[in-house]
Amino acid sequence: MLETPLIFTCKEKQLVAIEHSPDKLNQKSTQGVLIVVGGPQTRVGSHRLFVQLARALAEQGYYALRFDYSGAGDSEGAISQFTDIQDDIAAALALFRQQQPQLTEIYLWGLCDAASAILLHLAENKQNTVSGLVLVNPWVRQASTQAKTYLKSYYVKRLLSKSFWGKLIRGNVKPTKALSDIRTFQQQSKTSPVAGSFVDNMYIGLRHFAGNVTVLLSECDLTAEEFKLLMVENTLWRTISKQENIKIHTIAQANHTFSEVKCKDRLITETLNAIKSLK
């Protein structure tokens, strides 16, 4: 496996990328995966998974490119929000094709708000040449769905937890604070989603994408739970999630960043399976 540092430009800013190439060319060398890294992250700890994923892809014969978007990591500029990196993704795709012109299939892979950014990119670039998507725990945070998710997946589980009642008896839990939070979330759960939000634009990107999509969700993650709730409660998302080109899988016992080795290995395996199935 060969790892090559690259510098490319987007809106007069220098961005940094690492390309991971297979040792030998084979029948899979016409396929590549662009890994979009969400939010400012460290390169150690749980977020080491981006490096490990790229290396695993290269070991299996795929090209992989991961990059720091504007203001993140070693790239220039002020830190960008995930809603504003569509041009960075387009520039990274152009770089990937320039580096490996033989690529006939490129897949976009993103975790959390990077998965959201990918759909926002597709909403702005409807005439894209991307072959498929792997979206991991997409970020769809809205006041109403966040509140409902916390009430259902956090507070209910706490009330059923022996450790919670133990902490309550020992005085390590403040009941008034918990009740206040619950009342706040109950009020927020009744609010209507904001029209024209980034979640609506994500839907537009997904609706216009004709390729295959694999959504991977962690079993033990509130972000994933909120995405599941969106697919249940929102008619448009519920309908589109049933399309034949969209597959949704849950990875058991996984947290948001797949910090346990067995969960990270499962994520990598599911990613490889998704790419193979998209071919």
C-alpha atoms as a PDB file:
ATOM      1  CA  MET A   1       0.000   0.000   0.000  1.00  0.00           C
ATOM      2  CA  LEU A   2       1.266   3.448  -0.929  1.00  0.00           C
ATOM      3  CA  GLU A   3       0.231   6.592   1.003  1.00  0.00           C
ATOM      4  CA  THR A   4       0.759   9.893  -0.804  1.00  0.00           C
ATOM      5  CA  PRO A   5       0.231  13.374   0.693  1.00  0.00           C
ATOM      6  CA  LEU A   6      -1.415  15.799  -1.725  1.00  0.00           C
ATOM      7  CA  ILE A   7      -2.191  19.518  -1.791  1.00  0.00           C
ATOM      8  CA  PHE A   8      -5.045  20.928  -3.843  1.00  0.00           C
ATOM      9  CA  THR A   9      -6.872  24.252  -4.064  1.00  0.00           C
ATOM     10  CA  CYS A  10     -10.438  25.300  -3.415  1.00  0.00           C
ATOM     11  CA  LYS A  11     -11.408  28.965  -3.543  1.00  0.00           C
ATOM     12  CA  GLU A  12      -7.751  30.045  -3.275  1.00  0.00           C
ATOM     13  CA  LYS A  13      -7.193  27.940  -0.142  1.00  0.00           C
ATOM     14  CA  GLN A  14      -4.751  25.070   0.040  1.00  0.00           C
ATOM     15  CA  LEU A  15      -6.334  21.850   1.241  1.00  0.00           C
ATOM     16  CA  VAL A  16      -4.483  18.713   2.285  1.00  0.00           C
ATOM     17  CA  ALA A  17      -5.312  15.125   1.365  1.00  0.00           C
ATOM     18  CA  ILE A  18      -3.831  11.647   1.691  1.00  0.00           C
ATOM     19  CA  GLU A  19      -4.241   9.143  -1.117  1.00  0.00           C
ATOM     20  CA  HIS A  20      -4.070   5.431  -0.283  1.00  0.00           C
ATOM     21  CA  SER A  21      -3.208   3.222  -3.256  1.00  0.00           C
ATOM     22  CA  PRO A  22      -3.148  -0.575  -3.605  1.00  0.00           C
ATOM     23  CA  ASP A  23       0.235  -2.274  -3.904  1.00  0.00           C
ATOM     24  CA  LYS A  24      -0.639  -3.780  -7.248  1.00  0.00           C
ATOM     25  CA  LEU A  25      -3.107  -2.900  -9.953  1.00  0.00           C
ATOM     26  CA  ASN A  26      -5.881  -5.448 -10.324  1.00  0.00           C
ATOM     27  CA  GLN A  27      -9.463  -5.660 -11.481  1.00  0.00           C
ATOM     28  CA  LYS A  28     -10.594  -3.426  -8.594  1.00  0.00           C
ATOM     29  CA  SER A  29      -8.180  -0.602  -9.359  1.00  0.00           C
ATOM     30  CA  THR A  30     -10.853   1.247 -11.350  1.00  0.00           C
ATOM     31  CA  GLN A  31     -12.808   1.834  -8.130  1.00  0.00           C
ATOM     32  CA  GLY A  32     -12.118   4.517  -5.553  1.00  0.00           C
ATOM     33  CA  VAL A  33     -13.610   5.818  -2.311  1.00  0.00           C
ATOM     34  CA  LEU A  34     -13.549   9.473  -1.298  1.00  0.00           C
ATOM     35  CA  ILE A  35     -13.730   9.692   2.499  1.00  0.00           C
ATOM     36  CA  VAL A  36     -15.253  12.953   3.706  1.00  0.00           C
ATOM     37  CA  VAL A  37     -14.202  13.564   7.308  1.00  0.00           C
ATOM     38  CA  GLY A  38     -16.776  15.438   9.353  1.00  0.00           C
ATOM     39  CA  GLY A  39     -16.096  18.120  11.958  1.00  0.00           C
ATOM     40  CA  PRO A  40     -12.676  18.872  13.494  1.00  0.00           C
ATOM     41  CA  GLN A  41     -11.378  15.516  14.674  1.00  0.00           C
ATOM     42  CA  THR A  42      -8.191  14.134  16.150  1.00  0.00           C
ATOM     43  CA  ARG A  43      -6.169  11.568  14.246  1.00  0.00           C
ATOM     44  CA  VAL A  44      -5.878   9.351  17.291  1.00  0.00           C
ATOM     45  CA  GLY A  45      -8.432   7.625  19.479  1.00  0.00           C
ATOM     46  CA  SER A  46     -11.808   6.650  18.059  1.00  0.00           C
ATOM     47  CA  HIS A  47     -11.435   8.901  15.015  1.00  0.00           C
ATOM     48  CA  ARG A  48      -8.414   6.922  13.905  1.00  0.00           C
ATOM     49  CA  LEU A  49     -11.025   4.894  12.051  1.00  0.00           C
ATOM     50  CA  PHE A  50     -10.710   7.168   8.983  1.00  0.00           C
ATOM     51  CA  VAL A  51      -7.061   6.169   8.571  1.00  0.00           C
ATOM     52  CA  GLN A  52      -7.816   2.526   9.291  1.00  0.00           C
ATOM     53  CA  LEU A  53     -10.730   2.499   6.846  1.00  0.00           C
ATOM     54  CA  ALA A  54      -8.626   4.041   4.055  1.00  0.00           C
ATOM     55  CA  ARG A  55      -5.855   1.518   4.619  1.00  0.00           C
ATOM     56  CA  ALA A  56      -8.299  -1.384   4.697  1.00  0.00           C
ATOM     57  CA  LEU A  57      -9.774  -0.241   1.377  1.00  0.00           C
ATOM     58  CA  ALA A  58      -6.318  -0.018  -0.218  1.00  0.00           C
ATOM     59  CA  GLU A  59      -5.413  -3.472   1.090  1.00  0.00           C
ATOM     60  CA  GLN A  60      -8.503  -4.815  -0.662  1.00  0.00           C
ATOM     61  CA  GLY A  61      -7.481  -3.230  -3.951  1.00  0.00           C
ATOM     62  CA  TYR A  62      -9.442   0.035  -3.863  1.00  0.00           C
ATOM     63  CA  TYR A  63      -8.070   3.555  -4.090  1.00  0.00           C
ATOM     64  CA  ALA A  64      -9.028   5.781  -1.170  1.00  0.00           C
ATOM     65  CA  LEU A  65      -8.670   9.529  -0.703  1.00  0.00           C
ATOM     66  CA  ARG A  66      -9.319  11.340   2.581  1.00  0.00           C
ATOM     67  CA  PHE A  67      -8.945  15.079   2.988  1.00  0.00           C
ATOM     68  CA  ASP A  68      -9.173  17.947   5.450  1.00  0.00           C
ATOM     69  CA  TYR A  69     -11.773  20.467   4.355  1.00  0.00           C
ATOM     70  CA  SER A  70     -11.320  24.233   4.736  1.00  0.00           C
ATOM     71  CA  GLY A  71     -10.002  25.192   8.154  1.00  0.00           C
ATOM     72  CA  ALA A  72      -9.809  21.610   9.432  1.00  0.00           C
ATOM     73  CA  GLY A  73      -6.613  19.720  10.169  1.00  0.00           C
ATOM     74  CA  ASP A  74      -3.798  20.964   7.948  1.00  0.00           C
ATOM     75  CA  SER A  75      -5.990  22.798   5.424  1.00  0.00           C
ATOM     76  CA  GLU A  76      -6.056  26.584   5.150  1.00  0.00           C
ATOM     77  CA  GLY A  77      -8.883  28.935   6.004  1.00  0.00           C
ATOM     78  CA  ALA A  78     -11.335  29.461   8.803  1.00  0.00           C
ATOM     79  CA  ILE A  79     -13.059  26.330  10.020  1.00  0.00           C
ATOM     80  CA  SER A  80     -16.093  25.569   7.862  1.00  0.00           C
ATOM     81  CA  GLN A  81     -19.488  24.236   8.847  1.00  0.00           C
ATOM     82  CA  PHE A  82     -20.594  20.994   7.221  1.00  0.00           C
ATOM     83  CA  THR A  83     -23.283  22.947   5.380  1.00  0.00           C
ATOM     84  CA  ASP A  84     -20.573  24.953   3.576  1.00  0.00           C
ATOM     85  CA  ILE A  85     -18.100  22.355   2.277  1.00  0.00           C
ATOM     86  CA  GLN A  86     -19.820  21.354  -0.955  1.00  0.00           C
ATOM     87  CA  ASP A  87     -17.135  23.081  -3.040  1.00  0.00           C
ATOM     88  CA  ASP A  88     -14.430  21.307  -1.030  1.00  0.00           C
ATOM     89  CA  ILE A  89     -16.005  17.941  -1.831  1.00  0.00           C
ATOM     90  CA  ALA A  90     -16.204  18.853  -5.519  1.00  0.00           C
ATOM     91  CA  ALA A  91     -12.536  19.897  -5.509  1.00  0.00           C
ATOM     92  CA  ALA A  92     -11.515  16.669  -3.772  1.00  0.00           C
ATOM     93  CA  LEU A  93     -13.422  14.644  -6.361  1.00  0.00           C
ATOM     94  CA  ALA A  94     -11.660  16.517  -9.152  1.00  0.00           C
ATOM     95  CA  LEU A  95      -8.302  15.827  -7.498  1.00  0.00           C
ATOM     96  CA  PHE A  96      -9.117  12.131  -7.167  1.00  0.00           C
ATOM     97  CA  ARG A  97      -9.992  11.867 -10.848  1.00  0.00           C
ATOM     98  CA  GLN A  98      -6.873  13.801 -11.799  1.00  0.00           C
ATOM     99  CA  GLN A  99      -4.673  11.506  -9.733  1.00  0.00           C
ATOM    100  CA  GLN A 100      -6.340   8.318 -10.948  1.00  0.00           C
ATOM    101  CA  PRO A 101      -7.911   8.985 -14.357  1.00  0.00           C
ATOM    102  CA  GLN A 102      -8.647   5.264 -14.826  1.00  0.00           C
ATOM    103  CA  LEU A 103     -11.277   5.330 -12.079  1.00  0.00           C
ATOM    104  CA  THR A 104     -14.684   4.521 -13.489  1.00  0.00           C
ATOM    105  CA  GLU A 105     -16.480   4.271 -10.150  1.00  0.00           C
ATOM    106  CA  ILE A 106     -16.091   6.624  -7.198  1.00  0.00           C
ATOM    107  CA  TYR A 107     -18.014   6.227  -3.956  1.00  0.00           C
ATOM    108  CA  LEU A 108     -18.525   8.867  -1.298  1.00  0.00           C
ATOM    109  CA  TRP A 109     -18.199   7.807   2.363  1.00  0.00           C
ATOM    110  CA  GLY A 110     -19.051  10.000   5.333  1.00  0.00           C
ATOM    111  CA  LEU A 111     -19.742   9.760   9.060  1.00  0.00           C
ATOM    112  CA  CYS A 112     -22.184  12.027  10.932  1.00  0.00           C
ATOM    113  CA  ASP A 113     -22.207  15.573   9.520  1.00  0.00           C
ATOM    114  CA  ALA A 114     -19.877  14.430   6.713  1.00  0.00           C
ATOM    115  CA  ALA A 115     -22.661  12.092   5.547  1.00  0.00           C
ATOM    116  CA  SER A 116     -25.004  15.084   5.658  1.00  0.00           C
ATOM    117  CA  ALA A 117     -22.491  17.200   3.718  1.00  0.00           C
ATOM    118  CA  ILE A 118     -22.358  14.535   1.012  1.00  0.00           C
ATOM    119  CA  LEU A 119     -26.119  14.751   0.459  1.00  0.00           C
ATOM    120  CA  LEU A 120     -25.934  18.550   0.467  1.00  0.00           C
ATOM    121  CA  HIS A 121     -23.200  18.308  -2.167  1.00  0.00           C
ATOM    122  CA  LEU A 122     -25.463  16.127  -4.310  1.00  0.00           C
ATOM    123  CA  ALA A 123     -28.327  18.603  -3.875  1.00  0.00           C
ATOM    124  CA  GLU A 124     -26.130  21.296  -5.438  1.00  0.00           C
ATOM    125  CA  ASN A 125     -24.545  19.013  -8.044  1.00  0.00           C
ATOM    126  CA  LYS A 126     -27.382  17.006  -9.519  1.00  0.00           C
ATOM    127  CA  GLN A 127     -25.369  16.117 -12.630  1.00  0.00           C
ATOM    128  CA  ASN A 128     -22.777  14.180 -10.671  1.00  0.00           C
ATOM    129  CA  THR A 129     -20.816  11.116 -11.748  1.00  0.00           C
ATOM    130  CA  VAL A 130     -20.603   9.458  -8.335  1.00  0.00           C
ATOM    131  CA  SER A 131     -21.416   5.749  -8.377  1.00  0.00           C
ATOM    132  CA  GLY A 132     -22.623   5.163  -4.829  1.00  0.00           C
ATOM    133  CA  LEU A 133     -22.795   6.391  -1.253  1.00  0.00           C
ATOM    134  CA  VAL A 134     -21.980   4.960   2.159  1.00  0.00           C
ATOM    135  CA  LEU A 135     -23.588   7.178   4.806  1.00  0.00           C
ATOM    136  CA  VAL A 136     -22.781   6.420   8.446  1.00  0.00           C
ATOM    137  CA  ASN A 137     -24.962   7.833  11.250  1.00  0.00           C
ATOM    138  CA  PRO A 138     -26.139  10.848   9.199  1.00  0.00           C
ATOM    139  CA  TRP A 139     -26.620  14.057  11.192  1.00  0.00           C
ATOM    140  CA  VAL A 140     -30.235  15.276  10.930  1.00  0.00           C
ATOM    141  CA  ARG A 141     -30.426  17.327  14.123  1.00  0.00           C
ATOM    142  CA  GLN A 142     -33.664  19.276  14.533  1.00  0.00           C
ATOM    143  CA  ALA A 143     -35.234  20.513  17.750  1.00  0.00           C
ATOM    144  CA  SER A 144     -38.304  18.267  17.544  1.00  0.00           C
ATOM    145  CA  THR A 145     -36.546  15.028  16.563  1.00  0.00           C
ATOM    146  CA  GLN A 146     -33.713  15.666  19.015  1.00  0.00           C
ATOM    147  CA  ALA A 147     -36.203  16.107  21.855  1.00  0.00           C
ATOM    148  CA  LYS A 148     -38.163  12.978  20.947  1.00  0.00           C
ATOM    149  CA  THR A 149     -34.947  10.976  20.612  1.00  0.00           C
ATOM    150  CA  TYR A 150     -33.708  12.038  24.031  1.00  0.00           C
ATOM    151  CA  LEU A 151     -37.060  11.309  25.647  1.00  0.00           C
ATOM    152  CA  LYS A 152     -37.350   7.864  24.070  1.00  0.00           C
ATOM    153  CA  SER A 153     -33.776   6.624  23.829  1.00  0.00           C
ATOM    154  CA  TYR A 154     -32.080   8.377  26.744  1.00  0.00           C
ATOM    155  CA  TYR A 155     -34.447   9.221  29.573  1.00  0.00           C
ATOM    156  CA  VAL A 156     -36.616   6.108  29.272  1.00  0.00           C
ATOM    157  CA  LYS A 157     -33.513   3.910  29.319  1.00  0.00           C
ATOM    158  CA  ARG A 158     -32.200   5.803  32.337  1.00  0.00           C
ATOM    159  CA  LEU A 159     -35.423   5.250  34.246  1.00  0.00           C
ATOM    160  CA  LEU A 160     -35.151   1.533  33.539  1.00  0.00           C
ATOM    161  CA  SER A 161     -31.504   1.422  34.553  1.00  0.00           C
ATOM    162  CA  LYS A 162     -30.489   0.058  37.961  1.00  0.00           C
ATOM    163  CA  SER A 163     -27.442   2.334  38.009  1.00  0.00           C
ATOM    164  CA  PHE A 164     -29.691   5.409  37.674  1.00  0.00           C
ATOM    165  CA  TRP A 165     -31.750   4.467  40.725  1.00  0.00           C
ATOM    166  CA  GLY A 166     -28.572   3.690  42.625  1.00  0.00           C
ATOM    167  CA  LYS A 167     -27.205   7.152  41.849  1.00  0.00           C
ATOM    168  CA  LEU A 168     -30.560   8.685  42.815  1.00  0.00           C
ATOM    169  CA  ILE A 169     -30.558   6.955  46.212  1.00  0.00           C
ATOM    170  CA  ARG A 170     -26.966   8.048  46.846  1.00  0.00           C
ATOM    171  CA  GLY A 171     -27.847  11.629  45.965  1.00  0.00           C
ATOM    172  CA  ASN A 172     -25.683  11.721  42.826  1.00  0.00           C
ATOM    173  CA  VAL A 173     -28.636  12.673  40.615  1.00  0.00           C
ATOM    174  CA  LYS A 174     -30.536  15.949  40.871  1.00  0.00           C
ATOM    175  CA  PRO A 175     -34.232  15.092  40.269  1.00  0.00           C
ATOM    176  CA  THR A 176     -35.275  18.714  39.743  1.00  0.00           C
ATOM    177  CA  LYS A 177     -32.691  19.157  36.975  1.00  0.00           C
ATOM    178  CA  ALA A 178     -33.771  15.922  35.276  1.00  0.00           C
ATOM    179  CA  LEU A 179     -37.460  16.871  35.460  1.00  0.00           C
ATOM    180  CA  SER A 180     -36.696  20.322  34.074  1.00  0.00           C
ATOM    181  CA  ASP A 181     -34.812  18.776  31.129  1.00  0.00           C
ATOM    182  CA  ILE A 182     -37.684  16.375  30.456  1.00  0.00           C
ATOM    183  CA  ARG A 183     -40.237  19.206  30.431  1.00  0.00           C
ATOM    184  CA  THR A 184     -38.037  21.189  28.042  1.00  0.00           C
ATOM    185  CA  PHE A 185     -37.698  18.256  25.676  1.00  0.00           C
ATOM    186  CA  GLN A 186     -41.449  17.615  25.830  1.00  0.00           C
ATOM    187  CA  GLN A 187     -42.095  21.182  24.704  1.00  0.00           C
ATOM    188  CA  GLN A 188     -39.480  20.983  21.940  1.00  0.00           C
ATOM    189  CA  SER A 189     -40.891  17.660  20.715  1.00  0.00           C
ATOM    190  CA  LYS A 190     -44.114  19.462  19.814  1.00  0.00           C
ATOM    191  CA  THR A 191     -42.428  22.071  17.604  1.00  0.00           C
ATOM    192  CA  SER A 192     -42.657  21.828  13.832  1.00  0.00           C
ATOM    193  CA  PRO A 193     -39.511  21.323  11.735  1.00  0.00           C
ATOM    194  CA  VAL A 194     -38.168  24.469  10.079  1.00  0.00           C
ATOM    195  CA  ALA A 195     -38.999  24.538   6.376  1.00  0.00           C
ATOM    196  CA  GLY A 196     -35.990  24.793   4.082  1.00  0.00           C
ATOM    197  CA  SER A 197     -33.596  23.408   6.681  1.00  0.00           C
ATOM    198  CA  PHE A 198     -30.411  21.521   5.806  1.00  0.00           C
ATOM    199  CA  VAL A 199     -32.369  18.294   6.423  1.00  0.00           C
ATOM    200  CA  ASP A 200     -34.765  19.244   3.622  1.00  0.00           C
ATOM    201  CA  ASN A 201     -31.795  19.878   1.341  1.00  0.00           C
ATOM    202  CA  MET A 202     -30.323  16.510   2.322  1.00  0.00           C
ATOM    203  CA  TYR A 203     -33.558  14.922   1.156  1.00  0.00           C
ATOM    204  CA  ILE A 204     -33.278  16.753  -2.176  1.00  0.00           C
ATOM    205  CA  GLY A 205     -29.750  15.384  -2.644  1.00  0.00           C
ATOM    206  CA  LEU A 206     -30.863  11.854  -1.859  1.00  0.00           C
ATOM    207  CA  ARG A 207     -33.944  12.105  -4.065  1.00  0.00           C
ATOM    208  CA  HIS A 208     -31.916  13.173  -7.094  1.00  0.00           C
ATOM    209  CA  PHE A 209     -29.255  10.504  -6.626  1.00  0.00           C
ATOM    210  CA  ALA A 210     -29.813   7.505  -8.900  1.00  0.00           C
ATOM    211  CA  GLY A 211     -26.950   5.344  -7.618  1.00  0.00           C
ATOM    212  CA  ASN A 212     -26.993   2.851  -4.777  1.00  0.00           C
ATOM    213  CA  VAL A 213     -26.925   4.066  -1.187  1.00  0.00           C
ATOM    214  CA  THR A 214     -25.923   2.146   1.933  1.00  0.00           C
ATOM    215  CA  VAL A 215     -26.795   3.697   5.290  1.00  0.00           C
ATOM    216  CA  LEU A 216     -24.962   2.242   8.290  1.00  0.00           C
ATOM    217  CA  LEU A 217     -26.351   3.034  11.742  1.00  0.00           C
ATOM    218  CA  SER A 218     -24.869   2.389  15.182  1.00  0.00           C
ATOM    219  CA  GLU A 219     -27.120   0.559  17.596  1.00  0.00           C
ATOM    220  CA  CYS A 220     -25.969   2.629  20.608  1.00  0.00           C
ATOM    221  CA  ASP A 221     -26.013   6.159  19.223  1.00  0.00           C
ATOM    222  CA  LEU A 222     -28.479   9.014  19.643  1.00  0.00           C
ATOM    223  CA  THR A 223     -27.546  10.475  16.241  1.00  0.00           C
ATOM    224  CA  ALA A 224     -28.508   7.201  14.591  1.00  0.00           C
ATOM    225  CA  GLU A 225     -31.696   7.041  16.664  1.00  0.00           C
ATOM    226  CA  GLU A 226     -32.667  10.512  15.500  1.00  0.00           C
ATOM    227  CA  PHE A 227     -32.150   9.473  11.875  1.00  0.00           C
ATOM    228  CA  LYS A 228     -34.352   6.413  12.431  1.00  0.00           C
ATOM    229  CA  LEU A 229     -37.030   8.625  13.978  1.00  0.00           C
ATOM    230  CA  LEU A 230     -36.903  10.948  10.969  1.00  0.00           C
ATOM    231  CA  MET A 231     -37.521   7.995   8.641  1.00  0.00           C
ATOM    232  CA  VAL A 232     -40.525   6.945  10.717  1.00  0.00           C
ATOM    233  CA  GLU A 233     -42.185  10.315  11.263  1.00  0.00           C
ATOM    234  CA  ASN A 234     -41.399  12.192   8.046  1.00  0.00           C
ATOM    235  CA  THR A 235     -43.483  10.990   5.106  1.00  0.00           C
ATOM    236  CA  LEU A 236     -40.935  11.983   2.466  1.00  0.00           C
ATOM    237  CA  TRP A 237     -38.006  10.328   4.249  1.00  0.00           C
ATOM    238  CA  ARG A 238     -40.080   7.248   5.045  1.00  0.00           C
ATOM    239  CA  THR A 239     -41.026   6.853   1.387  1.00  0.00           C
ATOM    240  CA  ILE A 240     -37.549   7.371  -0.008  1.00  0.00           C
ATOM    241  CA  SER A 241     -35.981   4.990   2.525  1.00  0.00           C
ATOM    242  CA  LYS A 242     -38.016   2.174   0.955  1.00  0.00           C
ATOM    243  CA  GLN A 243     -36.531   2.654  -2.513  1.00  0.00           C
ATOM    244  CA  GLU A 244     -34.680  -0.344  -3.922  1.00  0.00           C
ATOM    245  CA  ASN A 245     -31.434   1.597  -4.297  1.00  0.00           C
ATOM    246  CA  ILE A 246     -31.277   2.393  -0.561  1.00  0.00           C
ATOM    247  CA  LYS A 247     -30.154  -0.215   1.962  1.00  0.00           C
ATOM    248  CA  ILE A 248     -30.106   0.440   5.709  1.00  0.00           C
ATOM    249  CA  HIS A 249     -28.146  -1.700   8.179  1.00  0.00           C
ATOM    250  CA  THR A 250     -27.621  -1.402  11.919  1.00  0.00           C
ATOM    251  CA  ILE A 251     -24.302  -2.422  13.488  1.00  0.00           C
ATOM    252  CA  ALA A 252     -24.961  -4.069  16.837  1.00  0.00           C
ATOM    253  CA  GLN A 253     -23.376  -2.653  20.003  1.00  0.00           C
ATOM    254  CA  ALA A 254     -21.632   0.134  18.081  1.00  0.00           C
ATOM    255  CA  ASN A 255     -21.361   3.675  19.424  1.00  0.00           C
ATOM    256  CA  HIS A 256     -21.190   6.776  17.272  1.00  0.00           C
ATOM    257  CA  THR A 257     -17.507   6.469  16.354  1.00  0.00           C
ATOM    258  CA  PHE A 258     -17.199   2.666  16.484  1.00  0.00           C
ATOM    259  CA  SER A 259     -14.555   2.959  19.176  1.00  0.00           C
ATOM    260  CA  GLU A 260     -14.577  -0.755  20.032  1.00  0.00           C
ATOM    261  CA  VAL A 261     -12.350  -2.815  17.756  1.00  0.00           C
ATOM    262  CA  LYS A 262     -15.043  -5.373  16.925  1.00  0.00           C
ATOM    263  CA  CYS A 263     -17.482  -2.620  15.933  1.00  0.00           C
ATOM    264  CA  LYS A 264     -14.875  -0.812  13.852  1.00  0.00           C
ATOM    265  CA  ASP A 265     -14.013  -4.056  12.077  1.00  0.00           C
ATOM    266  CA  ARG A 266     -17.697  -4.597  11.393  1.00  0.00           C
ATOM    267  CA  LEU A 267     -18.016  -1.091   9.960  1.00  0.00           C
ATOM    268  CA  ILE A 268     -15.083  -1.711   7.620  1.00  0.00           C
ATOM    269  CA  THR A 269     -16.562  -5.056   6.557  1.00  0.00           C
ATOM    270  CA  GLU A 270     -19.973  -3.493   5.897  1.00  0.00           C
ATOM    271  CA  THR A 271     -18.308  -0.721   3.885  1.00  0.00           C
ATOM    272  CA  LEU A 272     -16.453  -3.258   1.744  1.00  0.00           C
ATOM    273  CA  ASN A 273     -19.657  -5.250   1.271  1.00  0.00           C
ATOM    274  CA  ALA A 274     -21.509  -2.095   0.235  1.00  0.00           C
ATOM    275  CA  ILE A 275     -18.906  -1.201  -2.376  1.00  0.00           C
ATOM    276  CA  LYS A 276     -18.892  -4.741  -3.760  1.00  0.00           C
ATOM    277  CA  SER A 277     -22.695  -4.762  -3.953  1.00  0.00           C
ATOM    278  CA  LEU A 278     -22.721  -1.421  -5.759  1.00  0.00           C
ATOM    279  CA  LYS A 279     -20.569  -2.754  -8.585  1.00  0.00           C
END
